[in-house]
Structures are given as structure tokens and as C-alpha cells.
Amino acid sequence: MKKIRISSGYGFYGDVPGPVKVNIERGAVQYVASDHLSELTLAILQKDRLKDPRAGYTRDIVPMLSALYPAAQPKGIKFLMNAGGLNPEGAQAAVMELFKKKGLSARIAMVTGDGVLERIDELKAAGQALAHMDTGADIASVRERLLFANAYLGAQPLVEALRQGADVIITGRVADAALFLAPLIYEFGWRSDEYDKLAQGLLVGHLLECSNQGSGGNFGGGDWQTVPDLAHTGFPIAEVSEDGAALITKVPGTGGKVSFDTVRQQMLYETHDPSRYYSPDVILDFTTVKMRDWGEDRVEVKGATGRAPTDILKVVAGYHDGYMGHAMIGYSWPDALKKAQAAADIIRIQMQEAGMRPEQIHVEYLGYNSLMGPVADAAYADQLNEVYLRFAIRTPDKALAERLPRLFPPLALGGPPYASGFRGVPAPQVLLGIWPTLVKRELVESRVKVSVVEV
């Protein structure tokens, strides 16, 4: 039975190439699928694009391929990457420039059509409400502040790029796991109505899309300290058969762990209804999955079932949502938390007296509740060695955001004792709000294009 081996690539914007290179050199892989995007990443890329119209893609694509493609090319290993972000054209041009400088030859594909910002009014006219998925709010409330809007595409455009002989495929916003599903559809010839196979392929992508989180990194089990050599964690590899059954593994001798527990944790990552994991290609049912731990970092995964996908796609849009002003200052024992709370009260009083009225105030205490929030255990509050006050506001007024951190320097001499760790007066930060919505897939997919250039 034919088998295909796929390596996890990057799991986020700024991941590291070393473990991927190990998989290329020693993992007998045919594909590297690399997930660079998240909603937060799109917001970061939009901020980049505001500074430089040529930006908007994840800039890690150039150093990544510079480090990896020379080792991958002789083996015929292909790359699928959503590093195009908000500007796939810019990413393709940057990769072409890199390859020309290095004397590398490749067919570089670009998938476009996910961007729908310029089509908002057209989509509305076609009957698409584009209401907020969670609140039902009308998109008109943010229409004039929208900065980007991208639909989640599925695997089919990437399959078409492979059919055209692409060695490197660069996309914008696609469903994360579609990067891994595409080569399986291409290699095994799976039909679009073979839902169980597609579901199994989507599951494979879901297990690999977060790089070494799928091989013991960020392991939340009580025995996380038993995961070996986290300094050199190997990225997971999936060996997939024609029927979709997969063996999740990693290169021997690398750090981390592939076990029943680490794999099932990754399976449940970002899962709401495990019986209905929606994607553009198939609706995956996790509840039928069977896993078997064979030991030695090998876990067999099979049994996923699927149903036909819906006729809609998710769109993630971003809009200008004002400015953040913030500052931070620390206090030491004794009474570290009480001192930080007193400092926050001082700032609130001074803001009120100065007529500073932001839309939102956020206060947290690093060392006490910045991670745990309202469930932080107050029983040990008086014993804390040190606490940092972080005070932030959101406001549409940039000048107000600038004023907030200037209230903090006087605390050093006129506030509670033993202040330290003052981080200066940071400039206001632009805030981007996220607008998730839905659109008829035919209105998007009819505009998707695949172009391949050769260098």
C-alpha cells in the first residue's frame, strides 16, 4: 500500500527551521506543510502593511526556505505554506528573489482569492449579511474601519498547484489542516465525496499543524516533566496510507515525546464540538477516532469519519479598534500585592481628576493573577515576593493613550515603597479588532486563482 510521509513545518510565525531540517535529512518525508498564520498574526501583518505596502506576508518565509530548501531540493521534497498572509504576491516575489540569488530552481505557486476586503459591498449586495458570528452585530458598525478580510480556503487550490508541478506553494488564509490534506488528496487521488478519507487526512493535519506541540511541547499532562529534552524537541511526522490511517512519529534521537497522551491532547486543541469539526473540505468527527500507542514515539491514528462540508466559508476580518495606552511598575515584599493595588488606585484617581475617560480599563498583577485571572488563589497573596502592576486602557483618542503612562514615573518617589522595574513610557499601540463572519463559498471560490512561476 502506498504511503506518504509529511513533516510538520512551522507552527507559528517565527518558529525555528532546525527541527524541520532534521526531518528533511533523516525523516524520509516527501512534503513539509507549514502553518504561519493565526488571527493574531493577520493583525500583526496588517500593522506591517500599514508601515510598508510591500509587506503583509510572514517574513520568516525567506530565512526558512533559505535554510531548508537546499537540503530539500535534491530529495524532491515539496513545501506548502500559508506564509503569504495578506500579501501572497509579495511573498512569492521575495522567494523568487531569494532563489535567484542562491541559484536554486523551483516552480513556485501562489494561491490568491481569499482576500475579500475590496468585495464587502459586492458581497452585501449579493445577499451576504456578514454579521458578527458571535454577537450578530451588523458589519456596518465597523465597515469604514475594516483593514482586511480573508476567507478560509480549503485544500483544492493547493491540490491544483501540485497538479501543475509546484515545488513551493504559497497561500494566504487557508484552513490550517488543509495544508496537510492537500498532498494526500493529490497523491492518493481521493475524491471530494470520500468524506471518511478526507476526515482522516484533516485529522492528520490537525495533529501536525502546531509543530512540536504535537510531539510533547506544551504538554499539559501532570507528568509534563517526563517529556525528554525539550531543548531539542523533534517536529512530528505523519506516515499516511491510502486509506487515511496514519502513524504519528518523529525522528529517533530528537527530544520530545509522541505518545497516546501527547497526541490526544493535540487532537482536542481548539476543538469545540468534537463531533463536528468544521473545515472547507469536510466536517470531521473526532468521536470515532481510534489511537494505539506502539511505543518508541509511534502512535497509530485511524477511524475518523466525515460528513459533507457546508456551503459557507468562514471569513476573518480585522478593523481599527482604537489605541492602547499602558504602563507597568513592580513592587517587592512585604505587602507586594497591596502596594501594586494602591498604585492602581492612585492612577485611577488621577485619571478621573484629569478627565481621562477611556472606553476600557484593564488592570492585572503579574505574579498574582495575570495568568489565572479571577480564579487566582488569594490565600497566598500576602506571601508574594514581588508583584508587577500592568495598567492598560483602550481609547479612540491617541492623545489619551499617550497620557496614561506619563502618570507612572511619579509613583517611584511619591507612591508605595520599594517600587522597581519601571519599564519607561511606551508609545500608544494601534488596536485591531477581529470580526469573524460567514459567506457563501461559491462567491469566494469562483475568484480563487492558482499561478505558477518557474525560477
Protein backbone atom coordinates (compact mmCIF):
# COMPACT_ATOMS: atom_id res chain seq x y z
CA MET A 1 0.00 0.00 0.00
CA LYS A 2 1.31 3.42 -0.96
CA LYS A 3 2.37 5.64 1.94
CA ILE A 4 3.23 9.33 2.13
CA ARG A 5 5.30 10.98 4.86
CA ILE A 6 4.55 14.60 5.74
CA SER A 7 6.62 16.73 8.11
CA SER A 8 5.26 19.46 10.28
CA GLY A 9 6.76 22.78 9.28
CA TYR A 10 6.39 25.95 11.28
CA GLY A 11 3.60 26.04 13.84
CA PHE A 12 3.52 29.84 14.11
CA TYR A 13 5.06 32.98 12.65
CA GLY A 14 8.68 32.94 13.81
CA ASP A 15 9.10 29.23 14.52
CA VAL A 16 12.53 27.64 14.03
CA PRO A 17 13.85 25.72 10.98
CA GLY A 18 16.23 23.35 12.80
CA PRO A 19 13.74 20.55 13.62
CA VAL A 20 12.28 20.75 10.12
CA LYS A 21 15.76 20.32 8.65
CA VAL A 22 16.24 17.21 10.79
CA ASN A 23 13.02 15.79 9.32
CA ILE A 24 14.19 16.63 5.80
CA GLU A 25 17.57 14.99 6.31
CA ARG A 26 16.57 11.99 8.41
CA GLY A 27 12.78 11.67 8.30
CA ALA A 28 12.26 10.33 4.76
CA VAL A 29 9.50 12.90 4.17
CA GLN A 30 8.06 13.94 0.82
CA TYR A 31 6.26 17.07 1.99
CA VAL A 32 6.65 19.87 4.52
CA ALA A 33 3.42 21.66 5.45
CA SER A 34 3.96 24.90 7.32
CA ASP A 35 1.34 26.91 9.22
CA HIS A 36 2.42 30.51 9.80
CA LEU A 37 -0.93 32.20 10.42
CA SER A 38 -3.41 32.88 13.17
CA GLU A 39 -5.91 35.67 13.69
CA LEU A 40 -3.29 37.47 15.78
CA THR A 41 -0.73 37.01 13.01
CA LEU A 42 -3.04 38.63 10.48
CA ALA A 43 -3.34 41.62 12.80
CA ILE A 44 0.47 41.81 13.04
CA LEU A 45 0.78 41.58 9.26
CA GLN A 46 -1.75 44.36 8.80
CA LYS A 47 0.31 46.61 11.09
CA ASP A 48 3.35 45.76 8.94
CA ARG A 49 1.41 46.63 5.79
CA LEU A 50 0.35 50.00 7.21
CA LYS A 51 4.05 50.85 7.51
CA ASP A 52 5.08 49.31 4.17
CA PRO A 53 2.59 48.39 1.41
CA ARG A 54 5.04 45.75 0.17
CA ALA A 55 4.77 43.89 3.48
CA GLY A 56 1.85 41.83 4.75
CA TYR A 57 3.35 38.36 4.43
CA THR A 58 5.21 36.47 7.14
CA ARG A 59 8.81 37.48 6.67
CA ASP A 60 10.04 34.20 8.15
CA ILE A 61 9.36 32.50 4.81
CA VAL A 62 12.65 33.78 3.35
CA PRO A 63 15.04 32.63 6.11
CA MET A 64 13.06 29.39 6.43
CA LEU A 65 13.41 28.43 2.78
CA SER A 66 16.98 29.71 2.71
CA ALA A 67 17.81 27.26 5.49
CA LEU A 68 15.73 24.33 4.26
CA TYR A 69 15.26 24.28 0.50
CA PRO A 70 18.89 23.47 -0.43
CA ALA A 71 18.57 20.26 1.61
CA ALA A 72 15.05 19.52 0.35
CA GLN A 73 15.51 20.15 -3.37
CA PRO A 74 17.73 17.12 -4.15
CA LYS A 75 15.15 14.87 -2.47
CA GLY A 76 12.19 16.36 -4.32
CA ILE A 77 10.53 17.48 -1.09
CA LYS A 78 7.72 19.97 -1.64
CA PHE A 79 6.60 22.83 0.63
CA LEU A 80 3.07 24.03 1.31
CA MET A 81 2.94 27.28 3.30
CA ASN A 82 0.30 29.85 4.20
CA ALA A 83 3.06 32.42 4.71
CA GLY A 84 1.52 34.65 2.05
CA GLY A 85 -0.69 36.12 4.75
CA LEU A 86 -2.30 39.29 3.45
CA ASN A 87 0.11 39.60 0.53
CA PRO A 88 0.84 36.29 -1.26
CA GLU A 89 2.19 38.24 -4.24
CA GLY A 90 4.82 39.85 -2.04
CA ALA A 91 5.77 36.51 -0.52
CA GLN A 92 6.15 34.89 -3.93
CA ALA A 93 8.31 37.77 -5.16
CA ALA A 94 10.53 37.54 -2.07
CA VAL A 95 11.02 33.79 -2.52
CA MET A 96 11.80 34.22 -6.21
CA GLU A 97 14.42 36.82 -5.35
CA LEU A 98 15.94 34.50 -2.75
CA PHE A 99 16.10 31.53 -5.13
CA LYS A 100 17.66 33.61 -7.90
CA LYS A 101 20.36 34.84 -5.53
CA LYS A 102 21.09 31.32 -4.32
CA GLY A 103 20.91 29.74 -7.77
CA LEU A 104 18.03 27.47 -6.76
CA SER A 105 15.47 26.26 -9.28
CA ALA A 106 11.83 25.65 -8.39
CA ARG A 107 8.27 26.02 -9.55
CA ILE A 108 6.67 28.44 -7.09
CA ALA A 109 2.89 28.52 -6.89
CA MET A 110 0.73 31.25 -5.45
CA VAL A 111 -2.91 30.87 -4.39
CA THR A 112 -5.00 34.04 -4.29
CA GLY A 113 -8.66 34.88 -3.93
CA ASP A 114 -9.10 34.55 -0.19
CA GLY A 115 -8.95 38.32 0.29
CA VAL A 116 -12.45 39.83 0.18
CA LEU A 117 -11.95 43.29 1.70
CA GLU A 118 -12.48 45.04 -1.64
CA ARG A 119 -15.60 42.95 -2.20
CA ILE A 120 -17.51 43.69 1.02
CA ASP A 121 -20.12 45.88 -0.68
CA GLU A 122 -20.41 43.40 -3.56
CA LEU A 123 -20.98 40.54 -1.12
CA LYS A 124 -23.57 42.55 0.78
CA ALA A 125 -25.37 43.26 -2.49
CA ALA A 126 -25.34 39.52 -3.19
CA GLY A 127 -27.30 38.92 -0.01
CA GLN A 128 -24.48 38.17 2.42
CA ALA A 129 -25.19 39.66 5.86
CA LEU A 130 -21.58 39.37 7.06
CA ALA A 131 -22.85 39.74 10.62
CA HIS A 132 -20.52 39.01 13.53
CA MET A 133 -20.60 35.25 14.17
CA ASP A 134 -20.68 35.57 17.96
CA THR A 135 -22.73 38.69 18.59
CA GLY A 136 -24.84 39.05 15.46
CA ALA A 137 -23.78 42.68 15.16
CA ASP A 138 -24.15 44.39 11.78
CA ILE A 139 -20.89 44.79 9.87
CA ALA A 140 -21.95 48.35 9.14
CA SER A 141 -20.73 49.23 12.65
CA VAL A 142 -17.14 48.61 11.56
CA ARG A 143 -17.38 48.89 7.77
CA GLU A 144 -15.41 52.13 7.49
CA ARG A 145 -12.73 50.82 9.85
CA LEU A 146 -12.11 47.47 8.12
CA LEU A 147 -8.48 46.85 7.25
CA PHE A 148 -8.51 43.27 5.97
CA ALA A 149 -10.96 40.45 5.36
CA ASN A 150 -9.94 36.94 4.31
CA ALA A 151 -11.88 33.74 3.76
CA TYR A 152 -10.58 30.36 4.90
CA LEU A 153 -9.98 28.34 1.74
CA GLY A 154 -9.76 24.57 1.61
CA ALA A 155 -7.29 22.12 0.10
CA GLN A 156 -8.43 22.10 -3.53
CA PRO A 157 -6.42 25.12 -4.77
CA LEU A 158 -3.29 23.57 -3.28
CA VAL A 159 -4.09 20.26 -4.97
CA GLU A 160 -4.35 22.11 -8.26
CA ALA A 161 -0.95 23.73 -7.64
CA LEU A 162 0.56 20.27 -7.07
CA ARG A 163 -1.00 19.05 -10.30
CA GLN A 164 0.74 21.92 -12.05
CA GLY A 165 4.06 20.69 -10.71
CA ALA A 166 4.64 23.21 -7.94
CA ASP A 167 7.61 22.66 -5.63
CA VAL A 168 6.70 25.50 -3.26
CA ILE A 169 3.09 26.58 -2.70
CA ILE A 170 2.40 29.93 -1.04
CA THR A 171 -1.12 30.77 0.07
CA GLY A 172 -2.91 33.41 2.04
CA ARG A 173 -5.60 32.37 4.52
CA VAL A 174 -6.42 28.68 4.19
CA ALA A 175 -7.69 26.31 6.85
CA ASP A 176 -4.58 25.24 8.75
CA ALA A 177 -5.05 21.50 8.29
CA ALA A 178 -5.77 21.94 4.56
CA LEU A 179 -2.02 22.41 4.06
CA PHE A 180 -1.54 18.78 5.10
CA LEU A 181 -4.69 17.40 3.49
CA ALA A 182 -3.80 18.70 0.01
CA PRO A 183 -0.82 16.41 -0.67
CA LEU A 184 -2.83 13.39 0.50
CA ILE A 185 -5.66 14.20 -1.92
CA TYR A 186 -3.10 14.71 -4.67
CA GLU A 187 -1.05 11.58 -4.01
CA PHE A 188 -3.92 9.17 -3.32
CA GLY A 189 -6.48 10.63 -5.70
CA TRP A 190 -9.15 10.95 -3.02
CA ARG A 191 -12.47 12.18 -4.39
CA SER A 192 -14.25 15.16 -2.89
CA ASP A 193 -17.04 12.88 -1.64
CA GLU A 194 -14.80 10.35 0.13
CA TYR A 195 -15.58 12.01 3.41
CA ASP A 196 -14.04 9.46 5.77
CA LYS A 197 -10.70 9.61 3.98
CA LEU A 198 -10.83 13.38 3.86
CA ALA A 199 -11.68 13.43 7.56
CA GLN A 200 -8.71 11.22 8.34
CA GLY A 201 -6.46 13.50 6.28
CA LEU A 202 -7.82 16.55 8.04
CA LEU A 203 -7.14 14.87 11.38
CA VAL A 204 -3.53 14.29 10.33
CA GLY A 205 -3.22 17.98 9.54
CA HIS A 206 -4.74 18.95 12.85
CA LEU A 207 -2.23 16.76 14.68
CA LEU A 208 0.75 18.26 12.86
CA GLU A 209 -0.20 21.91 12.35
CA CYS A 210 1.29 23.18 15.64
CA SER A 211 4.83 21.83 15.09
CA ASN A 212 6.31 20.43 18.30
CA GLN A 213 3.17 20.98 20.33
CA GLY A 214 2.19 17.71 18.64
CA SER A 215 5.29 15.93 19.90
CA GLY A 216 5.41 16.76 23.60
CA GLY A 217 5.83 20.51 23.65
CA ASN A 218 3.35 22.47 25.77
CA PHE A 219 2.18 19.15 27.19
CA GLY A 220 -0.45 19.82 29.83
CA GLY A 221 -0.43 16.42 31.48
CA GLY A 222 0.57 16.12 35.12
CA ASP A 223 3.75 14.36 34.04
CA TRP A 224 4.98 17.13 31.71
CA GLN A 225 8.42 16.92 33.34
CA THR A 226 8.86 13.42 31.94
CA VAL A 227 8.96 14.75 28.37
CA PRO A 228 12.65 14.37 27.46
CA ASP A 229 14.97 17.02 26.08
CA LEU A 230 12.57 19.88 25.45
CA ALA A 231 15.56 21.92 24.26
CA HIS A 232 15.73 19.76 21.12
CA THR A 233 12.12 18.71 20.52
CA GLY A 234 11.59 16.96 17.21
CA PHE A 235 8.72 18.06 14.97
CA PRO A 236 6.09 15.39 14.30
CA ILE A 237 5.88 13.37 11.10
CA ALA A 238 2.82 11.57 9.76
CA GLU A 239 3.17 8.43 7.66
CA VAL A 240 -0.20 8.16 5.92
CA SER A 241 -1.61 5.19 3.99
CA GLU A 242 -4.05 5.33 1.07
CA ASP A 243 -6.97 4.54 3.35
CA GLY A 244 -6.06 7.51 5.56
CA ALA A 245 -4.71 5.56 8.51
CA ALA A 246 -1.66 7.32 9.90
CA LEU A 247 1.33 6.72 12.11
CA ILE A 248 2.36 9.82 14.03
CA THR A 249 6.05 9.73 14.89
CA LYS A 250 9.28 11.76 14.97
CA VAL A 251 12.91 11.24 14.07
CA PRO A 252 14.66 8.92 16.55
CA GLY A 253 17.06 10.68 18.89
CA THR A 254 15.22 14.00 18.89
CA GLY A 255 13.65 15.39 22.05
CA GLY A 256 10.01 15.42 22.96
CA LYS A 257 7.51 12.59 23.05
CA VAL A 258 4.91 11.10 20.73
CA SER A 259 2.51 9.11 22.89
CA PHE A 260 -1.18 8.44 23.31
CA ASP A 261 -1.40 11.34 25.76
CA THR A 262 0.52 13.91 23.72
CA VAL A 263 -1.36 13.05 20.53
CA ARG A 264 -4.82 13.09 22.09
CA GLN A 265 -4.05 16.44 23.72
CA GLN A 266 -3.20 17.90 20.32
CA MET A 267 -6.34 16.33 18.82
CA LEU A 268 -8.51 18.23 21.29
CA TYR A 269 -6.65 21.51 20.76
CA GLU A 270 -9.01 24.29 19.59
CA THR A 271 -11.89 21.82 19.39
CA HIS A 272 -15.36 22.95 20.40
CA ASP A 273 -17.77 20.20 19.34
CA PRO A 274 -15.61 17.09 18.80
CA SER A 275 -18.32 15.52 16.68
CA ARG A 276 -18.39 18.47 14.28
CA TYR A 277 -15.00 19.96 13.45
CA TYR A 278 -15.82 22.20 10.50
CA SER A 279 -13.49 22.79 7.57
CA PRO A 280 -13.98 23.82 3.95
CA ASP A 281 -13.31 20.24 2.80
CA VAL A 282 -15.14 18.03 5.28
CA ILE A 283 -16.83 18.03 8.68
CA LEU A 284 -14.64 15.84 10.88
CA ASP A 285 -15.99 13.67 13.69
CA PHE A 286 -13.30 13.12 16.34
CA THR A 287 -15.51 10.82 18.41
CA THR A 288 -14.89 7.83 16.13
CA VAL A 289 -11.09 8.15 16.16
CA LYS A 290 -9.06 5.24 17.49
CA MET A 291 -5.47 5.55 18.67
CA ARG A 292 -2.93 2.88 19.51
CA ASP A 293 0.38 3.67 21.16
CA TRP A 294 3.02 1.33 19.73
CA GLY A 295 5.79 2.79 21.88
CA GLU A 296 9.07 4.30 20.73
CA ASP A 297 7.31 7.53 19.71
CA ARG A 298 4.82 5.86 17.37
CA VAL A 299 1.06 6.34 17.64
CA GLU A 300 -1.36 4.88 15.12
CA VAL A 301 -4.40 7.05 14.36
CA LYS A 302 -7.38 5.86 12.34
CA GLY A 303 -11.15 5.68 12.29
CA ALA A 304 -12.01 9.33 11.73
CA THR A 305 -15.33 9.81 9.98
CA GLY A 306 -16.62 12.73 8.00
CA ARG A 307 -19.64 14.40 6.50
CA ALA A 308 -20.15 16.73 3.57
CA PRO A 309 -18.91 20.28 4.18
CA THR A 310 -21.34 23.19 4.33
CA ASP A 311 -21.90 25.67 1.51
CA ILE A 312 -20.36 28.51 3.52
CA LEU A 313 -16.83 29.60 4.40
CA LYS A 314 -15.59 31.44 7.44
CA VAL A 315 -14.15 34.90 6.96
CA VAL A 316 -11.88 36.63 9.44
CA ALA A 317 -11.80 40.41 9.14
CA GLY A 318 -9.87 42.99 11.10
CA TYR A 319 -10.78 46.57 11.88
CA HIS A 320 -9.21 49.56 13.60
CA ASP A 321 -10.33 49.43 17.23
CA GLY A 322 -8.65 52.43 18.79
CA TYR A 323 -5.41 52.68 20.76
CA MET A 324 -3.91 51.09 23.83
CA GLY A 325 -2.04 53.10 26.41
CA HIS A 326 -0.22 51.04 29.02
CA ALA A 327 2.50 51.03 31.65
CA MET A 328 4.00 48.67 34.22
CA ILE A 329 5.71 49.03 37.58
CA GLY A 330 6.81 46.47 40.18
CA TYR A 331 6.78 46.18 43.98
CA SER A 332 8.58 43.86 46.36
CA TRP A 333 7.70 42.10 49.63
CA PRO A 334 6.36 42.90 52.15
CA ASP A 335 2.82 43.68 51.01
CA ALA A 336 3.82 43.49 47.35
CA LEU A 337 0.27 42.95 46.09
CA LYS A 338 -1.23 45.63 48.36
CA LYS A 339 1.34 48.13 47.13
CA ALA A 340 0.56 47.35 43.49
CA GLN A 341 -3.17 47.66 44.18
CA ALA A 342 -2.61 51.00 45.92
CA ALA A 343 -0.64 52.21 42.89
CA ALA A 344 -3.54 51.23 40.63
CA ASP A 345 -5.93 53.19 42.84
CA ILE A 346 -3.67 56.24 42.61
CA ILE A 347 -3.69 56.05 38.81
CA ARG A 348 -7.47 55.70 38.68
CA ILE A 349 -7.94 58.77 40.92
CA GLN A 350 -5.54 60.85 38.86
CA MET A 351 -7.24 59.80 35.64
CA GLN A 352 -10.62 60.78 37.00
CA GLU A 353 -9.38 64.15 38.21
CA ALA A 354 -7.74 64.81 34.84
CA GLY A 355 -10.91 63.96 32.91
CA MET A 356 -9.33 60.91 31.30
CA ARG A 357 -12.23 58.63 30.35
CA PRO A 358 -11.14 55.67 28.23
CA GLU A 359 -13.58 53.13 26.80
CA GLN A 360 -11.97 50.32 28.80
CA ILE A 361 -9.52 49.88 31.68
CA HIS A 362 -7.65 46.64 32.24
CA VAL A 363 -5.60 46.06 35.39
CA GLU A 364 -3.63 42.92 36.18
CA TYR A 365 -0.95 41.92 38.64
CA LEU A 366 1.93 39.87 37.27
CA GLY A 367 2.93 37.31 39.85
CA TYR A 368 -0.62 37.02 41.12
CA ASN A 369 -3.45 36.98 38.57
CA SER A 370 -2.14 37.91 35.12
CA LEU A 371 -2.50 34.27 34.03
CA MET A 372 -5.12 32.91 36.41
CA GLY A 373 -7.43 35.92 36.39
CA PRO A 374 -10.47 35.62 38.67
CA VAL A 375 -9.54 32.09 39.80
CA ALA A 376 -6.19 33.18 41.28
CA ASP A 377 -5.77 31.78 44.79
CA ALA A 378 -5.85 34.70 47.24
CA ALA A 379 -4.70 32.54 50.14
CA TYR A 380 -1.05 33.26 49.36
CA ALA A 381 -1.45 36.89 48.30
CA ASP A 382 0.37 38.25 51.37
CA GLN A 383 3.37 36.00 50.79
CA LEU A 384 4.23 37.04 47.25
CA ASN A 385 7.86 38.09 46.83
CA GLU A 386 7.14 40.54 44.04
CA VAL A 387 4.21 41.82 42.02
CA TYR A 388 4.11 43.93 38.87
CA LEU A 389 1.18 46.20 38.16
CA ARG A 390 0.19 46.34 34.49
CA PHE A 391 -2.35 49.06 33.76
CA ALA A 392 -3.82 49.43 30.27
CA ILE A 393 -6.59 51.44 28.64
CA ARG A 394 -8.37 51.32 25.31
CA THR A 395 -9.49 54.57 23.71
CA PRO A 396 -10.23 56.01 20.27
CA ASP A 397 -8.15 59.05 21.31
CA LYS A 398 -4.44 58.51 20.60
CA ALA A 399 -3.51 61.52 22.74
CA LEU A 400 -5.29 59.98 25.74
CA ALA A 401 -3.39 56.73 25.20
CA GLU A 402 -0.16 58.72 25.25
CA ARG A 403 -1.07 60.45 28.54
CA LEU A 404 -1.63 57.32 30.61
CA PRO A 405 1.97 56.05 31.00
CA ARG A 406 3.13 59.55 31.95
CA LEU A 407 1.22 59.18 35.22
CA PHE A 408 3.56 56.37 36.29
CA PRO A 409 7.04 57.94 36.82
CA PRO A 410 5.91 59.96 39.89
CA LEU A 411 4.99 56.68 41.61
CA ALA A 412 8.69 55.97 42.03
CA LEU A 413 9.06 58.70 44.67
CA GLY A 414 5.51 59.53 45.64
CA GLY A 415 3.78 56.17 45.68
CA PRO A 416 4.03 52.97 47.76
CA PRO A 417 7.57 51.98 48.84
CA TYR A 418 10.14 49.87 47.05
CA ALA A 419 8.95 50.45 43.50
CA SER A 420 11.17 48.94 40.83
CA GLY A 421 11.08 47.58 37.32
CA PHE A 422 9.56 50.67 35.75
CA ARG A 423 9.54 49.99 32.01
CA GLY A 424 9.57 53.58 30.75
CA VAL A 425 6.83 55.43 28.88
CA PRO A 426 5.71 53.21 26.00
CA ALA A 427 4.13 54.71 22.91
CA PRO A 428 0.46 54.02 22.19
CA GLN A 429 -0.28 50.86 20.26
CA VAL A 430 -2.83 50.55 17.50
CA LEU A 431 -5.53 48.03 18.38
CA LEU A 432 -7.16 45.79 15.79
CA GLY A 433 -10.50 44.15 16.45
CA ILE A 434 -11.39 40.79 14.89
CA TRP A 435 -14.67 40.31 13.02
CA PRO A 436 -15.49 36.64 12.28
CA THR A 437 -18.29 36.09 9.80
CA LEU A 438 -19.62 33.73 7.11
CA VAL A 439 -20.03 33.90 3.35
CA LYS A 440 -21.38 31.61 0.63
CA ARG A 441 -18.42 29.59 -0.58
CA GLU A 442 -19.33 29.87 -4.27
CA LEU A 443 -18.91 33.66 -4.07
CA VAL A 444 -15.31 33.21 -2.91
CA GLU A 445 -14.15 30.04 -4.64
CA SER A 446 -15.18 31.36 -8.05
CA ARG A 447 -12.46 34.01 -7.69
CA VAL A 448 -9.65 31.76 -6.43
CA LYS A 449 -6.65 31.57 -8.74
CA VAL A 450 -3.54 29.42 -8.83
CA SER A 451 -0.48 30.76 -10.67
CA VAL A 452 2.87 29.02 -11.02
CA VAL A 453 6.16 30.64 -11.97
CA GLU A 454 9.50 28.98 -12.52
CA VAL A 455 12.90 30.22 -11.36
